[in-house]
Amino acid sequence: MRVTTKGQVTIPIHIREKLGITPDTEIDFLQEGNRVFLVKRKKNARATRRFKKLRGIATVKMTTDEIMALTRDNL
């Protein structure tokens, strides 16, 4: 495997499939002595929890204009 002039390498397909690496997957490079390891970055559980409680169906009977008026400062 070679590194391109842009510092890029191709991850072999069998490794991508085994690790579940798809386009836009975040990865990290870890250095231990003279070795470098590629690891799949864990999802940010905190961010996932923060937004998970906001998912669902809106139950408020308001128009879009009424909701937008609540989000804007009335100067």
PDB file of N, CA and C in Angstrom:
ATOM      1  N   MET A   1       0.855  -1.167   0.000  1.00  0.00           N
ATOM      2  CA  MET A   1       0.000   0.000   0.000  1.00  0.00           C
ATOM      3  C   MET A   1       0.903   1.233   0.000  1.00  0.00           C
ATOM      4  N   ARG A   2       0.530   2.224  -0.792  1.00  0.00           N
ATOM      5  CA  ARG A   2       1.313   3.461  -0.871  1.00  0.00           C
ATOM      6  C   ARG A   2       0.490   4.653  -0.406  1.00  0.00           C
ATOM      7  N   VAL A   3       1.172   5.633   0.081  1.00  0.00           N
ATOM      8  CA  VAL A   3       0.556   6.898   0.461  1.00  0.00           C
ATOM      9  C   VAL A   3       0.660   7.836  -0.731  1.00  0.00           C
ATOM     10  N   THR A   4      -0.454   8.514  -1.082  1.00  0.00           N
ATOM     11  CA  THR A   4      -0.433   9.449  -2.206  1.00  0.00           C
ATOM     12  C   THR A   4       0.246  10.747  -1.784  1.00  0.00           C
ATOM     13  N   THR A   5       0.458  11.625  -2.739  1.00  0.00           N
ATOM     14  CA  THR A   5       1.072  12.923  -2.436  1.00  0.00           C
ATOM     15  C   THR A   5       0.183  13.763  -1.527  1.00  0.00           C
ATOM     16  N   LYS A   6      -1.103  13.430  -1.471  1.00  0.00           N
ATOM     17  CA  LYS A   6      -2.027  14.136  -0.580  1.00  0.00           C
ATOM     18  C   LYS A   6      -2.130  13.467   0.793  1.00  0.00           C
ATOM     19  N   GLY A   7      -1.334  12.418   1.007  1.00  0.00           N
ATOM     20  CA  GLY A   7      -1.353  11.722   2.293  1.00  0.00           C
ATOM     21  C   GLY A   7      -2.495  10.729   2.411  1.00  0.00           C
ATOM     22  N   GLN A   8      -3.063  10.307   1.302  1.00  0.00           N
ATOM     23  CA  GLN A   8      -4.196   9.391   1.325  1.00  0.00           C
ATOM     24  C   GLN A   8      -3.756   7.948   1.093  1.00  0.00           C
ATOM     25  N   VAL A   9      -4.513   7.032   1.688  1.00  0.00           N
ATOM     26  CA  VAL A   9      -4.314   5.601   1.447  1.00  0.00           C
ATOM     27  C   VAL A   9      -5.691   4.985   1.203  1.00  0.00           C
ATOM     28  N   THR A  10      -5.702   3.851   0.532  1.00  0.00           N
ATOM     29  CA  THR A  10      -6.951   3.127   0.326  1.00  0.00           C
ATOM     30  C   THR A  10      -7.034   2.012   1.353  1.00  0.00           C
ATOM     31  N   ILE A  11      -8.129   2.001   2.110  1.00  0.00           N
ATOM     32  CA  ILE A  11      -8.340   0.946   3.090  1.00  0.00           C
ATOM     33  C   ILE A  11      -8.897  -0.258   2.327  1.00  0.00           C
ATOM     34  N   PRO A  12      -8.244  -1.402   2.430  1.00  0.00           N
ATOM     35  CA  PRO A  12      -8.728  -2.573   1.696  1.00  0.00           C
ATOM     36  C   PRO A  12     -10.183  -2.907   2.037  1.00  0.00           C
ATOM     37  N   ILE A  13     -10.910  -3.381   1.027  1.00  0.00           N
ATOM     38  CA  ILE A  13     -12.345  -3.624   1.195  1.00  0.00           C
ATOM     39  C   ILE A  13     -12.650  -4.620   2.308  1.00  0.00           C
ATOM     40  N   HIS A  14     -11.834  -5.653   2.482  1.00  0.00           N
ATOM     41  CA  HIS A  14     -12.128  -6.634   3.529  1.00  0.00           C
ATOM     42  C   HIS A  14     -12.036  -6.007   4.927  1.00  0.00           C
ATOM     43  N   ILE A  15     -11.169  -5.025   5.080  1.00  0.00           N
ATOM     44  CA  ILE A  15     -11.060  -4.324   6.368  1.00  0.00           C
ATOM     45  C   ILE A  15     -12.237  -3.371   6.544  1.00  0.00           C
ATOM     46  N   ARG A  16     -12.598  -2.636   5.476  1.00  0.00           N
ATOM     47  CA  ARG A  16     -13.758  -1.734   5.546  1.00  0.00           C
ATOM     48  C   ARG A  16     -15.022  -2.505   5.896  1.00  0.00           C
ATOM     49  N   GLU A  17     -15.217  -3.657   5.259  1.00  0.00           N
ATOM     50  CA  GLU A  17     -16.411  -4.457   5.536  1.00  0.00           C
ATOM     51  C   GLU A  17     -16.405  -5.001   6.952  1.00  0.00           C
ATOM     52  N   LYS A  18     -15.264  -5.482   7.413  1.00  0.00           N
ATOM     53  CA  LYS A  18     -15.165  -6.043   8.764  1.00  0.00           C
ATOM     54  C   LYS A  18     -15.452  -4.994   9.835  1.00  0.00           C
ATOM     55  N   LEU A  19     -14.962  -3.775   9.626  1.00  0.00           N
ATOM     56  CA  LEU A  19     -15.144  -2.703  10.611  1.00  0.00           C
ATOM     57  C   LEU A  19     -16.391  -1.866  10.372  1.00  0.00           C
ATOM     58  N   GLY A  20     -17.080  -2.111   9.251  1.00  0.00           N
ATOM     59  CA  GLY A  20     -18.273  -1.316   8.951  1.00  0.00           C
ATOM     60  C   GLY A  20     -17.935   0.110   8.560  1.00  0.00           C
ATOM     61  N   ILE A  21     -16.807   0.299   7.905  1.00  0.00           N
ATOM     62  CA  ILE A  21     -16.384   1.632   7.485  1.00  0.00           C
ATOM     63  C   ILE A  21     -17.016   1.926   6.122  1.00  0.00           C
ATOM     64  N   THR A  22     -17.840   2.949   6.091  1.00  0.00           N
ATOM     65  CA  THR A  22     -18.511   3.385   4.873  1.00  0.00           C
ATOM     66  C   THR A  22     -18.148   4.844   4.616  1.00  0.00           C
ATOM     67  N   PRO A  23     -18.510   5.392   3.454  1.00  0.00           N
ATOM     68  CA  PRO A  23     -18.222   6.807   3.231  1.00  0.00           C
ATOM     69  C   PRO A  23     -18.779   7.657   4.378  1.00  0.00           C
ATOM     70  N   ASP A  24     -18.024   8.651   4.788  1.00  0.00           N
ATOM     71  CA  ASP A  24     -18.354   9.573   5.886  1.00  0.00           C
ATOM     72  C   ASP A  24     -18.175   8.975   7.281  1.00  0.00           C
ATOM     73  N   THR A  25     -17.656   7.741   7.384  1.00  0.00           N
ATOM     74  CA  THR A  25     -17.350   7.173   8.697  1.00  0.00           C
ATOM     75  C   THR A  25     -16.153   7.918   9.269  1.00  0.00           C
ATOM     76  N   GLU A  26     -16.238   8.288  10.531  1.00  0.00           N
ATOM     77  CA  GLU A  26     -15.140   8.964  11.209  1.00  0.00           C
ATOM     78  C   GLU A  26     -14.156   7.922  11.710  1.00  0.00           C
ATOM     79  N   ILE A  27     -12.880   8.138  11.470  1.00  0.00           N
ATOM     80  CA  ILE A  27     -11.833   7.239  11.961  1.00  0.00           C
ATOM     81  C   ILE A  27     -10.757   8.057  12.658  1.00  0.00           C
ATOM     82  N   ASP A  28      -9.979   7.392  13.481  1.00  0.00           N
ATOM     83  CA  ASP A  28      -8.852   8.020  14.170  1.00  0.00           C
ATOM     84  C   ASP A  28      -7.598   7.204  13.888  1.00  0.00           C
ATOM     85  N   PHE A  29      -6.454   7.867  13.981  1.00  0.00           N
ATOM     86  CA  PHE A  29      -5.156   7.192  13.881  1.00  0.00           C
ATOM     87  C   PHE A  29      -4.514   7.279  15.247  1.00  0.00           C
ATOM     88  N   LEU A  30      -4.158   6.125  15.795  1.00  0.00           N
ATOM     89  CA  LEU A  30      -3.507   6.072  17.099  1.00  0.00           C
ATOM     90  C   LEU A  30      -2.069   5.634  16.910  1.00  0.00           C
ATOM     91  N   GLN A  31      -1.151   6.333  17.571  1.00  0.00           N
ATOM     92  CA  GLN A  31       0.264   6.000  17.470  1.00  0.00           C
ATOM     93  C   GLN A  31       0.729   5.359  18.762  1.00  0.00           C
ATOM     94  N   GLU A  32       1.384   4.209  18.623  1.00  0.00           N
ATOM     95  CA  GLU A  32       2.010   3.528  19.757  1.00  0.00           C
ATOM     96  C   GLU A  32       3.419   3.171  19.327  1.00  0.00           C
ATOM     97  N   GLY A  33       4.381   3.894  19.835  1.00  0.00           N
ATOM     98  CA  GLY A  33       5.769   3.686  19.427  1.00  0.00           C
ATOM     99  C   GLY A  33       5.930   3.990  17.947  1.00  0.00           C
ATOM    100  N   ASN A  34       6.451   3.032  17.188  1.00  0.00           N
ATOM    101  CA  ASN A  34       6.645   3.214  15.746  1.00  0.00           C
ATOM    102  C   ASN A  34       5.483   2.689  14.921  1.00  0.00           C
ATOM    103  N   ARG A  35       4.387   2.334  15.570  1.00  0.00           N
ATOM    104  CA  ARG A  35       3.223   1.793  14.860  1.00  0.00           C
ATOM    105  C   ARG A  35       2.073   2.787  14.882  1.00  0.00           C
ATOM    106  N   VAL A  36       1.285   2.747  13.827  1.00  0.00           N
ATOM    107  CA  VAL A  36       0.093   3.584  13.737  1.00  0.00           C
ATOM    108  C   VAL A  36      -1.090   2.661  13.480  1.00  0.00           C
ATOM    109  N   PHE A  37      -2.168   2.854  14.252  1.00  0.00           N
ATOM    110  CA  PHE A  37      -3.365   2.034  14.134  1.00  0.00           C
ATOM    111  C   PHE A  37      -4.529   2.896  13.673  1.00  0.00           C
ATOM    112  N   LEU A  38      -5.319   2.356  12.774  1.00  0.00           N
ATOM    113  CA  LEU A  38      -6.537   3.015  12.318  1.00  0.00           C
ATOM    114  C   LEU A  38      -7.681   2.408  13.119  1.00  0.00           C
ATOM    115  N   VAL A  39      -8.484   3.247  13.754  1.00  0.00           N
ATOM    116  CA  VAL A  39      -9.621   2.754  14.529  1.00  0.00           C
ATOM    117  C   VAL A  39     -10.869   3.545  14.160  1.00  0.00           C
ATOM    118  N   LYS A  40     -11.989   2.847  14.123  1.00  0.00           N
ATOM    119  CA  LYS A  40     -13.267   3.490  13.851  1.00  0.00           C
ATOM    120  C   LYS A  40     -13.654   4.302  15.076  1.00  0.00           C
ATOM    121  N   ARG A  41     -13.986   5.557  14.860  1.00  0.00           N
ATOM    122  CA  ARG A  41     -14.354   6.433  15.973  1.00  0.00           C
ATOM    123  C   ARG A  41     -15.728   6.034  16.509  1.00  0.00           C
ATOM    124  N   LYS A  42     -15.846   5.990  17.814  1.00  0.00           N
ATOM    125  CA  LYS A  42     -17.127   5.676  18.437  1.00  0.00           C
ATOM    126  C   LYS A  42     -18.046   6.874  18.284  1.00  0.00           C
ATOM    127  N   LYS A  43     -19.332   6.582  18.115  1.00  0.00           N
ATOM    128  CA  LYS A  43     -20.310   7.663  18.009  1.00  0.00           C
ATOM    129  C   LYS A  43     -20.358   8.416  19.327  1.00  0.00           C
ATOM    130  N   ASN A  44     -20.626   9.696  19.223  1.00  0.00           N
ATOM    131  CA  ASN A  44     -20.718  10.533  20.416  1.00  0.00           C
ATOM    132  C   ASN A  44     -22.054  10.253  21.105  1.00  0.00           C
ATOM    133  N   ALA A  45     -22.027   9.397  22.112  1.00  0.00           N
ATOM    134  CA  ALA A  45     -23.252   8.988  22.797  1.00  0.00           C
ATOM    135  C   ALA A  45     -23.944  10.173  23.453  1.00  0.00           C
ATOM    136  N   ARG A  46     -23.182  11.130  23.935  1.00  0.00           N
ATOM    137  CA  ARG A  46     -23.776  12.287  24.599  1.00  0.00           C
ATOM    138  C   ARG A  46     -24.621  13.091  23.631  1.00  0.00           C
ATOM    139  N   ALA A  47     -24.098  13.336  22.438  1.00  0.00           N
ATOM    140  CA  ALA A  47     -24.855  14.086  21.432  1.00  0.00           C
ATOM    141  C   ALA A  47     -26.087  13.307  21.005  1.00  0.00           C
ATOM    142  N   THR A  48     -25.947  11.998  20.879  1.00  0.00           N
ATOM    143  CA  THR A  48     -27.085  11.171  20.486  1.00  0.00           C
ATOM    144  C   THR A  48     -28.184  11.248  21.541  1.00  0.00           C
ATOM    145  N   ARG A  49     -27.824  11.163  22.817  1.00  0.00           N
ATOM    146  CA  ARG A  49     -28.815  11.249  23.893  1.00  0.00           C
ATOM    147  C   ARG A  49     -29.499  12.604  23.906  1.00  0.00           C
ATOM    148  N   ARG A  50     -28.722  13.651  23.692  1.00  0.00           N
ATOM    149  CA  ARG A  50     -29.255  15.005  23.769  1.00  0.00           C
ATOM    150  C   ARG A  50     -30.354  15.228  22.737  1.00  0.00           C
ATOM    151  N   PHE A  51     -30.187  14.675  21.543  1.00  0.00           N
ATOM    152  CA  PHE A  51     -31.165  14.890  20.493  1.00  0.00           C
ATOM    153  C   PHE A  51     -32.240  13.815  20.450  1.00  0.00           C
ATOM    154  N   LYS A  52     -31.977  12.673  21.032  1.00  0.00           N
ATOM    155  CA  LYS A  52     -32.941  11.580  20.999  1.00  0.00           C
ATOM    156  C   LYS A  52     -34.258  11.983  21.657  1.00  0.00           C
ATOM    157  N   LYS A  53     -34.187  12.714  22.762  1.00  0.00           N
ATOM    158  CA  LYS A  53     -35.413  13.095  23.454  1.00  0.00           C
ATOM    159  C   LYS A  53     -36.239  14.121  22.668  1.00  0.00           C
ATOM    160  N   LEU A  54     -35.634  14.744  21.670  1.00  0.00           N
ATOM    161  CA  LEU A  54     -36.353  15.727  20.863  1.00  0.00           C
ATOM    162  C   LEU A  54     -37.075  15.110  19.670  1.00  0.00           C
ATOM    163  N   ARG A  55     -36.827  13.834  19.403  1.00  0.00           N
ATOM    164  CA  ARG A  55     -37.461  13.174  18.270  1.00  0.00           C
ATOM    165  C   ARG A  55     -38.892  12.796  18.607  1.00  0.00           C
ATOM    166  N   GLY A  56     -39.712  12.818  17.593  1.00  0.00           N
ATOM    167  CA  GLY A  56     -41.090  12.399  17.789  1.00  0.00           C
ATOM    168  C   GLY A  56     -42.029  13.216  16.930  1.00  0.00           C
ATOM    169  N   ILE A  57     -43.271  13.178  17.295  1.00  0.00           N
ATOM    170  CA  ILE A  57     -44.311  13.879  16.539  1.00  0.00           C
ATOM    171  C   ILE A  57     -44.722  15.110  17.323  1.00  0.00           C
ATOM    172  N   ALA A  58     -44.793  16.228  16.636  1.00  0.00           N
ATOM    173  CA  ALA A  58     -45.235  17.467  17.278  1.00  0.00           C
ATOM    174  C   ALA A  58     -46.709  17.343  17.643  1.00  0.00           C
ATOM    175  N   THR A  59     -47.034  17.739  18.851  1.00  0.00           N
ATOM    176  CA  THR A  59     -48.425  17.645  19.306  1.00  0.00           C
ATOM    177  C   THR A  59     -49.040  19.014  19.541  1.00  0.00           C
ATOM    178  N   VAL A  60     -48.262  20.064  19.350  1.00  0.00           N
ATOM    179  CA  VAL A  60     -48.753  21.419  19.572  1.00  0.00           C
ATOM    180  C   VAL A  60     -49.560  21.854  18.359  1.00  0.00           C
ATOM    181  N   LYS A  61     -50.738  22.397  18.608  1.00  0.00           N
ATOM    182  CA  LYS A  61     -51.605  22.851  17.523  1.00  0.00           C
ATOM    183  C   LYS A  61     -51.320  24.327  17.242  1.00  0.00           C
ATOM    184  N   MET A  62     -50.169  24.587  16.607  1.00  0.00           N
ATOM    185  CA  MET A  62     -49.784  25.955  16.257  1.00  0.00           C
ATOM    186  C   MET A  62     -49.431  25.998  14.786  1.00  0.00           C
ATOM    187  N   THR A  63     -49.622  27.153  14.192  1.00  0.00           N
ATOM    188  CA  THR A  63     -49.205  27.327  12.805  1.00  0.00           C
ATOM    189  C   THR A  63     -47.698  27.564  12.767  1.00  0.00           C
ATOM    190  N   THR A  64     -47.132  27.425  11.588  1.00  0.00           N
ATOM    191  CA  THR A  64     -45.703  27.688  11.430  1.00  0.00           C
ATOM    192  C   THR A  64     -45.379  29.130  11.805  1.00  0.00           C
ATOM    193  N   ASP A  65     -46.232  30.060  11.409  1.00  0.00           N
ATOM    194  CA  ASP A  65     -46.008  31.478  11.738  1.00  0.00           C
ATOM    195  C   ASP A  65     -46.014  31.707  13.250  1.00  0.00           C
ATOM    196  N   GLU A  66     -46.895  31.014  13.972  1.00  0.00           N
ATOM    197  CA  GLU A  66     -46.942  31.167  15.433  1.00  0.00           C
ATOM    198  C   GLU A  66     -45.674  30.607  16.078  1.00  0.00           C
ATOM    199  N   ILE A  67     -45.215  29.476  15.586  1.00  0.00           N
ATOM    200  CA  ILE A  67     -43.987  28.887  16.122  1.00  0.00           C
ATOM    201  C   ILE A  67     -42.801  29.786  15.829  1.00  0.00           C
ATOM    202  N   MET A  68     -42.699  30.317  14.601  1.00  0.00           N
ATOM    203  CA  MET A  68     -41.587  31.198  14.246  1.00  0.00           C
ATOM    204  C   MET A  68     -41.613  32.467  15.087  1.00  0.00           C
ATOM    205  N   ALA A  69     -42.794  32.991  15.396  1.00  0.00           N
ATOM    206  CA  ALA A  69     -42.898  34.193  16.223  1.00  0.00           C
ATOM    207  C   ALA A  69     -42.333  33.932  17.634  1.00  0.00           C
ATOM    208  N   LEU A  70     -42.484  32.720  18.139  1.00  0.00           N
ATOM    209  CA  LEU A  70     -41.942  32.383  19.456  1.00  0.00           C
ATOM    210  C   LEU A  70     -40.415  32.325  19.457  1.00  0.00           C
ATOM    211  N   THR A  71     -39.818  32.032  18.305  1.00  0.00           N
ATOM    212  CA  THR A  71     -38.365  31.883  18.238  1.00  0.00           C
ATOM    213  C   THR A  71     -37.640  33.179  17.929  1.00  0.00           C
ATOM    214  N   ARG A  72     -38.396  34.199  17.615  1.00  0.00           N
ATOM    215  CA  ARG A  72     -37.778  35.489  17.244  1.00  0.00           C
ATOM    216  C   ARG A  72     -37.982  36.507  18.355  1.00  0.00           C
ATOM    217  N   ASP A  73     -37.019  37.421  18.460  1.00  0.00           N
ATOM    218  CA  ASP A  73     -37.173  38.534  19.407  1.00  0.00           C
ATOM    219  C   ASP A  73     -38.141  39.540  18.812  1.00  0.00           C
ATOM    220  N   ASN A  74     -39.072  39.971  19.611  1.00  0.00           N
ATOM    221  CA  ASN A  74     -39.997  41.019  19.166  1.00  0.00           C
ATOM    222  C   ASN A  74     -39.460  42.353  19.642  1.00  0.00           C
ATOM    223  N   LEU A  75     -38.761  43.044  18.768  1.00  0.00           N
ATOM    224  CA  LEU A  75     -38.124  44.315  19.151  1.00  0.00           C
ATOM    225  C   LEU A  75     -39.075  45.451  19.054  1.00  0.00           C
TER     226      LEU A  75
END
